[in-house]
PDB file of N, CA and C in Angstrom:
ATOM      1  N   MET A   1     101.936 111.179 108.911  1.00  0.00           N
ATOM      2  CA  MET A   1     102.127 113.096 108.972  1.00  0.00           C
ATOM      3  C   MET A   1     100.569 113.693 108.607  1.00  0.00           C
ATOM      4  N   GLU A   2     100.616 114.602 109.598  1.00  0.00           N
ATOM      5  CA  GLU A   2      99.141 115.460 109.282  1.00  0.00           C
ATOM      6  C   GLU A   2      99.541 116.624 109.203  1.00  0.00           C
ATOM      7  N   VAL A   3      98.633 117.583 108.863  1.00  0.00           N
ATOM      8  CA  VAL A   3      98.504 118.966 108.678  1.00  0.00           C
ATOM      9  C   VAL A   3      99.147 119.776 110.085  1.00  0.00           C
ATOM     10  N   GLY A   4     100.351 120.571 109.661  1.00  0.00           N
ATOM     11  CA  GLY A   4     100.598 121.307 111.041  1.00  0.00           C
ATOM     12  C   GLY A   4     101.909 120.631 111.229  1.00  0.00           C
ATOM     13  N   ASP A   5     102.490 119.226 110.848  1.00  0.00           N
ATOM     14  CA  ASP A   5     103.657 118.841 111.261  1.00  0.00           C
ATOM     15  C   ASP A   5     104.733 119.322 110.576  1.00  0.00           C
ATOM     16  N   MET A   6     105.995 119.582 111.287  1.00  0.00           N
ATOM     17  CA  MET A   6     107.082 120.149 110.624  1.00  0.00           C
ATOM     18  C   MET A   6     107.982 118.902 109.861  1.00  0.00           C
ATOM     19  N   VAL A   7     108.173 119.193 108.813  1.00  0.00           N
ATOM     20  CA  VAL A   7     109.164 117.779 108.073  1.00  0.00           C
ATOM     21  C   VAL A   7     110.293 118.369 107.505  1.00  0.00           C
ATOM     22  N   LYS A   8     111.036 117.481 107.160  1.00  0.00           N
ATOM     23  CA  LYS A   8     112.446 117.669 106.360  1.00  0.00           C
ATOM     24  C   LYS A   8     112.383 117.024 105.402  1.00  0.00           C
ATOM     25  N   ILE A   9     112.832 117.548 104.168  1.00  0.00           N
ATOM     26  CA  ILE A   9     113.237 117.182 102.782  1.00  0.00           C
ATOM     27  C   ILE A   9     114.149 116.226 103.128  1.00  0.00           C
ATOM     28  N   TYR A  10     114.216 115.042 102.756  1.00  0.00           N
ATOM     29  CA  TYR A  10     115.393 113.983 102.867  1.00  0.00           C
ATOM     30  C   TYR A  10     115.553 113.122 101.626  1.00  0.00           C
ATOM     31  N   ASN A  11     114.690 112.843 100.884  1.00  0.00           N
ATOM     32  CA  ASN A  11     114.774 111.520  99.925  1.00  0.00           C
ATOM     33  C   ASN A  11     114.850 111.935  98.168  1.00  0.00           C
ATOM     34  N   ALA A  12     114.688 113.650  98.414  1.00  0.00           N
ATOM     35  CA  ALA A  12     114.743 113.779  96.751  1.00  0.00           C
ATOM     36  C   ALA A  12     115.953 113.558  95.938  1.00  0.00           C
ATOM     37  N   PRO A  13     115.725 113.324  94.785  1.00  0.00           N
ATOM     38  CA  PRO A  13     116.457 112.300  93.687  1.00  0.00           C
ATOM     39  C   PRO A  13     117.849 113.571  93.291  1.00  0.00           C
ATOM     40  N   PHE A  14     117.437 114.804  93.772  1.00  0.00           N
ATOM     41  CA  PHE A  14     118.509 115.916  93.344  1.00  0.00           C
ATOM     42  C   PHE A  14     118.776 116.866  95.003  1.00  0.00           C
ATOM     43  N   GLU A  15     120.274 116.858  94.641  1.00  0.00           N
ATOM     44  CA  GLU A  15     120.939 117.669  95.592  1.00  0.00           C
ATOM     45  C   GLU A  15     121.253 119.109  95.286  1.00  0.00           C
ATOM     46  N   GLY A  16     121.565 119.618  94.379  1.00  0.00           N
ATOM     47  CA  GLY A  16     121.931 120.923  94.153  1.00  0.00           C
ATOM     48  C   GLY A  16     120.726 121.653  93.461  1.00  0.00           C
ATOM     49  N   GLY A  17     121.061 122.755  92.653  1.00  0.00           N
ATOM     50  CA  GLY A  17     120.048 123.567  91.987  1.00  0.00           C
ATOM     51  C   GLY A  17     119.300 122.570  90.902  1.00  0.00           C
ATOM     52  N   SER A  18     117.911 122.535  90.561  1.00  0.00           N
ATOM     53  CA  SER A  18     117.097 122.081  89.919  1.00  0.00           C
ATOM     54  C   SER A  18     115.947 122.811  89.360  1.00  0.00           C
ATOM     55  N   LEU A  19     115.235 122.013  88.720  1.00  0.00           N
ATOM     56  CA  LEU A  19     113.718 122.670  88.180  1.00  0.00           C
ATOM     57  C   LEU A  19     112.905 122.996  89.654  1.00  0.00           C
ATOM     58  N   PHE A  20     113.277 122.432  90.422  1.00  0.00           N
ATOM     59  CA  PHE A  20     112.446 122.423  91.835  1.00  0.00           C
ATOM     60  C   PHE A  20     113.218 123.194  92.776  1.00  0.00           C
ATOM     61  N   VAL A  21     112.864 124.049  93.785  1.00  0.00           N
ATOM     62  CA  VAL A  21     113.212 124.882  94.346  1.00  0.00           C
ATOM     63  C   VAL A  21     113.869 124.030  95.576  1.00  0.00           C
ATOM     64  N   TYR A  22     112.952 123.211  96.102  1.00  0.00           N
ATOM     65  CA  TYR A  22     113.327 122.508  97.364  1.00  0.00           C
ATOM     66  C   TYR A  22     114.388 121.200  97.281  1.00  0.00           C
ATOM     67  N   LYS A  23     115.115 121.430  98.100  1.00  0.00           N
ATOM     68  CA  LYS A  23     116.161 120.129  97.993  1.00  0.00           C
ATOM     69  C   LYS A  23     116.445 119.287  99.487  1.00  0.00           C
ATOM     70  N   ASN A  24     117.396 118.568  99.649  1.00  0.00           N
ATOM     71  CA  ASN A  24     117.394 117.690 100.895  1.00  0.00           C
ATOM     72  C   ASN A  24     118.187 118.694 101.555  1.00  0.00           C
ATOM     73  N   GLY A  25     117.289 118.285 103.266  1.00  0.00           N
ATOM     74  CA  GLY A  25     117.891 119.413 104.103  1.00  0.00           C
ATOM     75  C   GLY A  25     116.723 120.307 104.637  1.00  0.00           C
ATOM     76  N   ASP A  26     115.827 120.870 103.516  1.00  0.00           N
ATOM     77  CA  ASP A  26     115.276 122.035 103.697  1.00  0.00           C
ATOM     78  C   ASP A  26     114.083 121.406 104.568  1.00  0.00           C
ATOM     79  N   LEU A  27     113.514 122.345 105.710  1.00  0.00           N
ATOM     80  CA  LEU A  27     112.388 122.335 106.459  1.00  0.00           C
ATOM     81  C   LEU A  27     111.165 123.118 106.032  1.00  0.00           C
ATOM     82  N   GLY A  28     110.164 122.381 106.588  1.00  0.00           N
ATOM     83  CA  GLY A  28     108.764 122.899 106.011  1.00  0.00           C
ATOM     84  C   GLY A  28     107.877 122.512 107.012  1.00  0.00           C
ATOM     85  N   ILE A  29     106.619 122.819 106.692  1.00  0.00           N
ATOM     86  CA  ILE A  29     105.152 122.813 107.573  1.00  0.00           C
ATOM     87  C   ILE A  29     104.029 122.336 106.606  1.00  0.00           C
ATOM     88  N   ILE A  30     103.362 121.185 106.934  1.00  0.00           N
ATOM     89  CA  ILE A  30     102.562 120.474 106.042  1.00  0.00           C
ATOM     90  C   ILE A  30     101.475 121.391 106.163  1.00  0.00           C
ATOM     91  N   ARG A  31     100.727 121.953 104.909  1.00  0.00           N
ATOM     92  CA  ARG A  31      99.678 123.025 105.299  1.00  0.00           C
ATOM     93  C   ARG A  31      98.221 122.073 104.339  1.00  0.00           C
ATOM     94  N   GLY A  32      98.651 120.829 103.716  1.00  0.00           N
ATOM     95  CA  GLY A  32      97.254 120.235 103.362  1.00  0.00           C
ATOM     96  C   GLY A  32      97.995 119.040 102.309  1.00  0.00           C
ATOM     97  N   TRP A  33      97.019 118.428 101.588  1.00  0.00           N
ATOM     98  CA  TRP A  33      97.191 117.168 100.709  1.00  0.00           C
ATOM     99  C   TRP A  33      96.701 117.243  99.368  1.00  0.00           C
ATOM    100  N   LEU A  34      97.270 116.985  98.374  1.00  0.00           N
ATOM    101  CA  LEU A  34      96.364 116.638  97.298  1.00  0.00           C
ATOM    102  C   LEU A  34      95.822 115.416  97.034  1.00  0.00           C
ATOM    103  N   LYS A  35      94.856 115.289  96.867  1.00  0.00           N
ATOM    104  CA  LYS A  35      94.045 113.999  96.567  1.00  0.00           C
ATOM    105  C   LYS A  35      94.763 112.881  95.954  1.00  0.00           C
ATOM    106  N   SER A  36      94.797 111.908  95.593  1.00  0.00           N
ATOM    107  CA  SER A  36      95.433 111.091  94.647  1.00  0.00           C
ATOM    108  C   SER A  36      95.035 109.803  94.740  1.00  0.00           C
ATOM    109  N   SER A  37      94.410 108.934  93.722  1.00  0.00           N
ATOM    110  CA  SER A  37      93.893 107.813  93.456  1.00  0.00           C
ATOM    111  C   SER A  37      94.820 106.691  93.928  1.00  0.00           C
ATOM    112  N   CYS A  38      96.266 107.238  93.600  1.00  0.00           N
ATOM    113  CA  CYS A  38      97.380 106.347  93.955  1.00  0.00           C
ATOM    114  C   CYS A  38      98.167 106.729  95.500  1.00  0.00           C
ATOM    115  N   LYS A  39      97.742 106.046  96.070  1.00  0.00           N
ATOM    116  CA  LYS A  39      98.255 106.264  97.691  1.00  0.00           C
ATOM    117  C   LYS A  39      99.501 106.412  97.621  1.00  0.00           C
ATOM    118  N   PRO A  40     100.701 105.533  97.060  1.00  0.00           N
ATOM    119  CA  PRO A  40     102.342 105.598  97.381  1.00  0.00           C
ATOM    120  C   PRO A  40     102.635 107.165  96.595  1.00  0.00           C
ATOM    121  N   HIS A  41     101.939 107.481  95.672  1.00  0.00           N
ATOM    122  CA  HIS A  41     102.304 109.081  95.296  1.00  0.00           C
ATOM    123  C   HIS A  41     101.558 109.853  95.410  1.00  0.00           C
ATOM    124  N   THR A  42     100.914 110.208  96.997  1.00  0.00           N
ATOM    125  CA  THR A  42     100.397 111.128  97.378  1.00  0.00           C
ATOM    126  C   THR A  42     101.531 112.618  97.455  1.00  0.00           C
ATOM    127  N   THR A  43     100.647 113.633  97.002  1.00  0.00           N
ATOM    128  CA  THR A  43     101.523 114.852  97.145  1.00  0.00           C
ATOM    129  C   THR A  43     101.178 115.646  98.161  1.00  0.00           C
ATOM    130  N   CYS A  44     101.944 116.269  99.101  1.00  0.00           N
ATOM    131  CA  CYS A  44     101.711 117.641 100.357  1.00  0.00           C
ATOM    132  C   CYS A  44     102.133 118.650  99.725  1.00  0.00           C
ATOM    133  N   ILE A  45     101.064 119.415 100.324  1.00  0.00           N
ATOM    134  CA  ILE A  45     101.419 121.112  99.913  1.00  0.00           C
ATOM    135  C   ILE A  45     102.124 121.377 101.469  1.00  0.00           C
ATOM    136  N   VAL A  46     103.203 121.765 101.136  1.00  0.00           N
ATOM    137  CA  VAL A  46     104.196 122.243 102.327  1.00  0.00           C
ATOM    138  C   VAL A  46     104.885 123.704 101.820  1.00  0.00           C
ATOM    139  N   ILE A  47     104.715 124.537 103.305  1.00  0.00           N
ATOM    140  CA  ILE A  47     105.210 125.477 103.182  1.00  0.00           C
ATOM    141  C   ILE A  47     106.716 125.632 103.906  1.00  0.00           C
ATOM    142  N   LEU A  48     107.488 126.009 102.603  1.00  0.00           N
ATOM    143  CA  LEU A  48     109.042 125.703 103.493  1.00  0.00           C
ATOM    144  C   LEU A  48     109.550 126.966 103.743  1.00  0.00           C
ATOM    145  N   LEU A  49     109.841 126.698 105.073  1.00  0.00           N
ATOM    146  CA  LEU A  49     110.714 127.562 105.843  1.00  0.00           C
ATOM    147  C   LEU A  49     111.763 128.976 105.191  1.00  0.00           C
ATOM    148  N   LYS A  50     112.483 128.485 104.519  1.00  0.00           N
ATOM    149  CA  LYS A  50     113.372 129.133 103.640  1.00  0.00           C
ATOM    150  C   LYS A  50     112.881 130.477 103.087  1.00  0.00           C
ATOM    151  N   ASP A  51     111.486 130.381 102.649  1.00  0.00           N
ATOM    152  CA  ASP A  51     110.988 131.392 101.712  1.00  0.00           C
ATOM    153  C   ASP A  51     109.463 131.924 102.313  1.00  0.00           C
ATOM    154  N   PHE A  52     108.976 130.878 102.798  1.00  0.00           N
ATOM    155  CA  PHE A  52     107.489 130.903 103.274  1.00  0.00           C
ATOM    156  C   PHE A  52     106.380 130.732 102.082  1.00  0.00           C
ATOM    157  N   LYS A  53     106.939 129.720 101.039  1.00  0.00           N
ATOM    158  CA  LYS A  53     106.189 129.668  99.766  1.00  0.00           C
ATOM    159  C   LYS A  53     105.590 128.446  99.800  1.00  0.00           C
ATOM    160  N   GLU A  54     104.282 128.154  99.170  1.00  0.00           N
ATOM    161  CA  GLU A  54     104.090 126.723  99.437  1.00  0.00           C
ATOM    162  C   GLU A  54     104.766 126.106  97.818  1.00  0.00           C
ATOM    163  N   TYR A  55     104.873 124.533  98.376  1.00  0.00           N
ATOM    164  CA  TYR A  55     105.382 123.914  97.050  1.00  0.00           C
ATOM    165  C   TYR A  55     104.476 122.518  97.331  1.00  0.00           C
ATOM    166  N   HIS A  56     104.600 121.783  96.288  1.00  0.00           N
ATOM    167  CA  HIS A  56     103.619 120.483  96.125  1.00  0.00           C
ATOM    168  C   HIS A  56     104.946 119.543  96.099  1.00  0.00           C
ATOM    169  N   ILE A  57     104.993 118.963  97.009  1.00  0.00           N
ATOM    170  CA  ILE A  57     106.122 117.860  97.211  1.00  0.00           C
ATOM    171  C   ILE A  57     105.738 116.341  97.438  1.00  0.00           C
ATOM    172  N   PRO A  58     106.183 115.367  96.944  1.00  0.00           N
ATOM    173  CA  PRO A  58     105.996 113.920  97.169  1.00  0.00           C
ATOM    174  C   PRO A  58     105.946 113.708  98.554  1.00  0.00           C
ATOM    175  N   TYR A  59     105.065 112.803  99.085  1.00  0.00           N
ATOM    176  CA  TYR A  59     105.191 112.207 100.354  1.00  0.00           C
ATOM    177  C   TYR A  59     106.566 111.512 100.551  1.00  0.00           C
ATOM    178  N   GLY A  60     106.938 110.899  99.892  1.00  0.00           N
ATOM    179  CA  GLY A  60     108.102 110.032  99.935  1.00  0.00           C
ATOM    180  C   GLY A  60     109.789 110.863 100.049  1.00  0.00           C
ATOM    181  N   TYR A  61     109.131 112.159  99.626  1.00  0.00           N
ATOM    182  CA  TYR A  61     110.562 112.841 100.012  1.00  0.00           C
ATOM    183  C   TYR A  61     110.659 113.802 100.964  1.00  0.00           C
ATOM    184  N   MET A  62     110.025 113.152 102.522  1.00  0.00           N
ATOM    185  CA  MET A  62     109.935 113.873 103.569  1.00  0.00           C
ATOM    186  C   MET A  62     109.907 113.107 104.492  1.00  0.00           C
ATOM    187  N   LYS A  63     110.241 113.484 105.635  1.00  0.00           N
ATOM    188  CA  LYS A  63     110.133 112.519 106.873  1.00  0.00           C
ATOM    189  C   LYS A  63     109.545 113.860 108.166  1.00  0.00           C
ATOM    190  N   LYS A  64     108.813 113.221 109.234  1.00  0.00           N
ATOM    191  CA  LYS A  64     108.513 114.089 110.465  1.00  0.00           C
ATOM    192  C   LYS A  64     109.323 114.533 111.293  1.00  0.00           C
ATOM    193  N   MET A  65     109.508 115.498 111.575  1.00  0.00           N
ATOM    194  CA  MET A  65     110.566 115.963 112.209  1.00  0.00           C
ATOM    195  C   MET A  65     109.884 115.626 113.801  1.00  0.00           C
ATOM    196  N   GLU A  66     110.499 114.881 114.793  1.00  0.00           N
ATOM    197  CA  GLU A  66     110.078 114.638 116.044  1.00  0.00           C
ATOM    198  C   GLU A  66     110.697 115.606 117.041  1.00  0.00           C
ATOM    199  N   PRO A  67     110.199 115.543 118.230  1.00  0.00           N
ATOM    200  CA  PRO A  67     110.407 116.305 119.323  1.00  0.00           C
ATOM    201  C   PRO A  67     111.519 116.032 119.982  1.00  0.00           C
ATOM    202  N   LEU A  68     112.730 116.561 120.579  1.00  0.00           N
ATOM    203  CA  LEU A  68     113.723 115.922 121.406  1.00  0.00           C
ATOM    204  C   LEU A  68     113.374 115.087 122.525  1.00  0.00           C
ATOM    205  N   CYS A  69     112.220 115.454 123.363  1.00  0.00           N
ATOM    206  CA  CYS A  69     111.756 115.377 124.251  1.00  0.00           C
ATOM    207  C   CYS A  69     110.615 114.515 124.843  1.00  0.00           C
TER     208      CYS A  69
END
Protein backbone atom coordinates (compact mmCIF):
# COMPACT_ATOMS: atom_id res chain seq x y z
CA MET A 1 0.00 0.00 0.00
CA GLU A 2 1.12 3.51 -0.76
CA VAL A 3 0.11 7.08 0.03
CA GLY A 4 -3.13 7.89 -1.80
CA ASP A 5 -4.46 4.32 -1.84
CA MET A 6 -8.06 3.76 -0.78
CA VAL A 7 -8.33 1.19 2.02
CA LYS A 8 -11.06 -0.64 3.89
CA ILE A 9 -10.86 -1.43 7.59
CA TYR A 10 -11.50 -5.16 7.87
CA ASN A 11 -9.42 -6.82 10.56
CA ALA A 12 -9.97 -4.59 13.60
CA PRO A 13 -10.65 -6.62 16.76
CA PHE A 14 -13.74 -4.58 17.64
CA GLU A 15 -17.07 -4.30 15.83
CA GLY A 16 -19.20 -1.75 17.63
CA GLY A 17 -18.51 1.39 19.61
CA SER A 18 -15.14 1.46 21.29
CA LEU A 19 -12.34 3.76 22.34
CA PHE A 20 -11.36 3.98 18.67
CA VAL A 21 -13.65 5.76 16.21
CA TYR A 22 -12.90 3.48 13.26
CA LYS A 23 -14.50 0.06 12.85
CA ASN A 24 -14.62 -2.76 10.32
CA GLY A 25 -16.14 -1.65 7.02
CA ASP A 26 -14.96 1.98 7.17
CA LEU A 27 -13.26 3.40 4.07
CA GLY A 28 -10.28 5.73 4.07
CA ILE A 29 -7.31 7.09 2.14
CA ILE A 30 -3.72 6.58 3.26
CA ARG A 31 -2.08 9.94 3.94
CA GLY A 32 1.24 8.73 5.32
CA TRP A 33 3.19 6.32 7.51
CA LEU A 34 4.48 6.48 11.04
CA LYS A 35 8.03 5.19 11.13
CA SER A 36 8.46 2.10 13.28
CA SER A 37 11.48 -0.02 14.03
CA CYS A 38 9.20 -3.07 14.20
CA LYS A 39 7.93 -3.59 10.63
CA PRO A 40 4.89 -5.84 11.36
CA HIS A 41 3.48 -3.17 13.68
CA THR A 42 3.64 -0.26 11.25
CA THR A 43 0.92 2.35 11.65
CA CYS A 44 -0.63 4.35 8.82
CA ILE A 45 -2.12 7.82 8.94
CA VAL A 46 -5.54 7.38 7.33
CA ILE A 47 -8.22 9.95 6.50
CA LEU A 48 -11.56 8.22 7.02
CA LEU A 49 -14.26 9.16 4.54
CA LYS A 50 -17.04 9.11 7.14
CA ASP A 51 -15.75 12.23 8.93
CA PHE A 52 -12.64 13.35 6.97
CA LYS A 53 -10.43 13.19 10.08
CA GLU A 54 -7.00 11.59 10.41
CA TYR A 55 -6.51 8.43 12.43
CA HIS A 56 -3.48 6.28 13.18
CA ILE A 57 -4.48 2.75 12.18
CA PRO A 58 -2.26 -0.35 12.27
CA TYR A 59 -1.31 -1.68 8.84
CA GLY A 60 -2.77 -5.12 9.63
CA TYR A 61 -6.25 -3.69 10.20
CA MET A 62 -6.81 -2.69 6.57
CA LYS A 63 -6.63 -3.87 3.00
CA LYS A 64 -6.22 -1.98 -0.25
CA MET A 65 -9.33 -1.46 -2.35
CA GLU A 66 -8.75 -2.76 -5.88
CA PRO A 67 -10.43 -1.26 -8.97
CA LEU A 68 -13.17 -3.37 -10.56
CA CYS A 69 -11.67 -3.22 -14.07
